[in-house]
Amino acid sequence: MSSNQIEHFLNSWKEGVIEIGRVYLDGGDYEKCALQFISSHYAFDNEEVLFKPTFTKELIFRNSKDLALSYFIAGDIAEDNGFALKPWEEISLEELNTIEEDNCIVAMGTLNLKPVNAEKITNIAFTFLLIGVDGSLKIKVHHSSPI
């Protein structure tokens, strides 16, 4: 695994979140888009995943594909407003630290999230534990929180 693979994965993750919001604004099938995003970026289809999303207070963890989907597009959980439906205009990686060991990578950094039609930037810190699944990186552990 190389630093290029890690950067490519993080760029794909950021673009995927933005794309879900774009599809939502365009009146498209944003649920299908979100499911594809989750399947291509998280290891739910292959093994257990631990997911602590950025903005949770009542049900802190979303450790299944269905609960992750609820967080990203506002599902059955009352506090879920649809993180990806904000929508975000830009997500920029500000800092990245990585450790590569055996068959996994830990990526820890900060992201700035800029909503569409708003100037207020939300700063978050994240930690991803990435594993290789069928030749691509996927998230096995995701923890993020506002700064």
Protein backbone atom coordinates (compact mmCIF):
# COMPACT_ATOMS: atom_id res chain seq x y z
CA MET A 1 0.00 0.00 0.00
CA SER A 2 1.34 3.41 -0.91
CA SER A 3 0.70 6.99 0.13
CA ASN A 4 -0.82 7.48 -3.36
CA GLN A 5 -3.40 4.78 -2.59
CA ILE A 6 -4.26 6.46 0.71
CA GLU A 7 -4.64 9.89 -0.94
CA HIS A 8 -6.71 8.38 -3.76
CA PHE A 9 -8.97 6.67 -1.21
CA LEU A 10 -9.46 9.85 0.85
CA ASN A 11 -10.18 11.90 -2.27
CA SER A 12 -12.70 9.28 -3.37
CA TRP A 13 -14.35 9.35 0.07
CA LYS A 14 -14.62 13.18 0.03
CA GLU A 15 -15.95 13.22 -3.56
CA GLY A 16 -18.42 10.45 -2.71
CA VAL A 17 -19.96 12.43 0.17
CA ILE A 18 -20.24 15.51 -2.07
CA GLU A 19 -21.77 13.42 -4.90
CA ILE A 20 -24.56 12.09 -2.66
CA GLY A 21 -25.54 15.71 -1.90
CA ARG A 22 -25.40 16.63 -5.60
CA VAL A 23 -27.66 13.75 -6.56
CA TYR A 24 -30.04 14.76 -3.75
CA LEU A 25 -30.19 18.39 -4.96
CA ASP A 26 -30.76 17.21 -8.54
CA GLY A 27 -33.71 15.05 -7.44
CA GLY A 28 -31.91 11.82 -8.28
CA ASP A 29 -31.72 8.47 -6.53
CA TYR A 30 -29.51 9.61 -3.67
CA GLU A 31 -30.22 6.45 -1.65
CA LYS A 32 -28.75 4.29 -4.42
CA CYS A 33 -25.79 6.69 -4.64
CA ALA A 34 -25.26 6.48 -0.86
CA LEU A 35 -25.44 2.68 -0.87
CA GLN A 36 -22.83 2.54 -3.64
CA PHE A 37 -20.65 4.97 -1.67
CA ILE A 38 -20.92 2.92 1.52
CA SER A 39 -20.21 -0.36 -0.31
CA SER A 40 -17.14 1.04 -2.05
CA HIS A 41 -15.66 2.81 0.99
CA TYR A 42 -16.65 0.72 4.03
CA ALA A 43 -16.03 -2.99 4.69
CA PHE A 44 -19.62 -3.72 5.86
CA ASP A 45 -20.14 -6.26 3.04
CA ASN A 46 -17.05 -8.23 4.10
CA GLU A 47 -16.67 -7.98 7.88
CA GLU A 48 -17.56 -6.08 11.02
CA VAL A 49 -17.11 -2.31 10.93
CA LEU A 50 -17.00 0.16 13.81
CA PHE A 51 -18.40 3.57 12.81
CA LYS A 52 -18.65 6.62 15.09
CA PRO A 53 -19.96 9.40 12.84
CA THR A 54 -19.17 13.07 13.36
CA PHE A 55 -22.53 14.36 14.59
CA THR A 56 -24.14 11.76 16.87
CA LYS A 57 -25.38 12.25 20.42
CA GLU A 58 -28.18 9.81 21.15
CA LEU A 59 -27.18 6.67 19.25
CA ILE A 60 -23.42 7.17 19.15
CA PHE A 61 -22.34 4.30 16.87
CA ARG A 62 -23.55 3.16 13.43
CA ASN A 63 -21.97 -0.31 13.22
CA SER A 64 -24.13 -1.73 10.42
CA LYS A 65 -24.65 -0.78 6.79
CA ASP A 66 -28.29 0.20 7.46
CA LEU A 67 -27.33 2.46 10.37
CA ALA A 68 -24.52 4.03 8.32
CA LEU A 69 -27.00 4.68 5.51
CA SER A 70 -29.37 6.35 7.99
CA TYR A 71 -26.57 8.66 9.11
CA PHE A 72 -25.57 9.67 5.58
CA ILE A 73 -29.09 10.21 4.17
CA ALA A 74 -31.47 10.57 7.16
CA GLY A 75 -33.13 7.27 7.88
CA ASP A 76 -34.95 5.69 10.80
CA ILE A 77 -32.91 7.31 13.57
CA ALA A 78 -34.48 10.57 14.78
CA GLU A 79 -31.19 12.48 15.16
CA ASP A 80 -29.99 11.60 11.65
CA ASN A 81 -30.36 14.66 9.43
CA GLY A 82 -28.45 13.24 6.50
CA PHE A 83 -24.76 14.16 6.81
CA ALA A 84 -24.28 13.90 3.03
CA LEU A 85 -27.53 15.79 2.32
CA LYS A 86 -26.27 18.97 4.00
CA PRO A 87 -25.07 19.18 1.12
CA TRP A 88 -21.33 19.90 1.05
CA GLU A 89 -19.75 22.01 -1.69
CA GLU A 90 -16.18 21.25 -0.72
CA ILE A 91 -14.37 18.94 1.67
CA SER A 92 -10.67 19.65 2.03
CA LEU A 93 -8.05 17.58 3.79
CA GLU A 94 -6.02 19.86 6.03
CA GLU A 95 -3.77 17.44 7.89
CA LEU A 96 -2.99 13.76 7.43
CA ASN A 97 -0.96 11.37 9.54
CA THR A 98 -0.63 7.70 8.65
CA ILE A 99 0.77 4.48 10.07
CA GLU A 100 1.09 1.41 7.89
CA GLU A 101 1.42 -1.95 9.62
CA ASP A 102 0.94 -5.47 8.36
CA ASN A 103 -2.36 -5.50 6.45
CA CYS A 104 -3.80 -2.19 7.61
CA ILE A 105 -3.34 1.55 7.48
CA VAL A 106 -4.38 4.06 10.10
CA ALA A 107 -5.15 7.49 8.65
CA MET A 108 -5.79 10.33 11.09
CA GLY A 109 -6.32 13.91 10.12
CA THR A 110 -8.54 16.92 9.84
CA LEU A 111 -11.09 17.92 7.24
CA ASN A 112 -12.75 21.25 6.51
CA LEU A 113 -16.30 20.93 5.25
CA LYS A 114 -17.93 23.83 3.39
CA PRO A 115 -21.69 23.62 2.83
CA VAL A 116 -23.32 24.65 -0.42
CA ASN A 117 -24.41 28.32 -0.30
CA ALA A 118 -22.85 28.99 3.10
CA GLU A 119 -19.53 30.35 4.29
CA LYS A 120 -19.30 28.67 7.71
CA ILE A 121 -16.66 25.94 7.58
CA THR A 122 -17.04 22.90 9.83
CA ASN A 123 -13.73 21.44 11.03
CA ILE A 124 -13.63 17.77 11.95
CA ALA A 125 -10.98 15.33 13.08
CA PHE A 126 -11.13 11.77 11.78
CA THR A 127 -9.47 8.42 12.24
CA PHE A 128 -9.88 5.66 9.64
CA LEU A 129 -8.52 2.15 9.98
CA LEU A 130 -8.21 1.00 6.37
CA ILE A 131 -7.88 -2.59 5.23
CA GLY A 132 -7.39 -4.14 1.81
CA VAL A 133 -10.51 -5.85 0.42
CA ASP A 134 -10.41 -7.34 -3.07
CA GLY A 135 -7.57 -5.07 -4.15
CA SER A 136 -9.00 -1.81 -2.80
CA LEU A 137 -8.94 0.01 0.52
CA LYS A 138 -12.02 0.03 2.75
CA ILE A 139 -12.79 1.49 6.15
CA LYS A 140 -12.99 -0.99 9.02
CA VAL A 141 -13.00 1.64 11.78
CA HIS A 142 -14.21 5.24 11.33
CA HIS A 143 -14.24 7.76 14.15
CA SER A 144 -14.83 11.45 13.58
CA SER A 145 -15.83 14.42 15.67
CA PRO A 146 -16.12 18.20 15.37
CA ILE A 147 -13.11 20.24 16.41
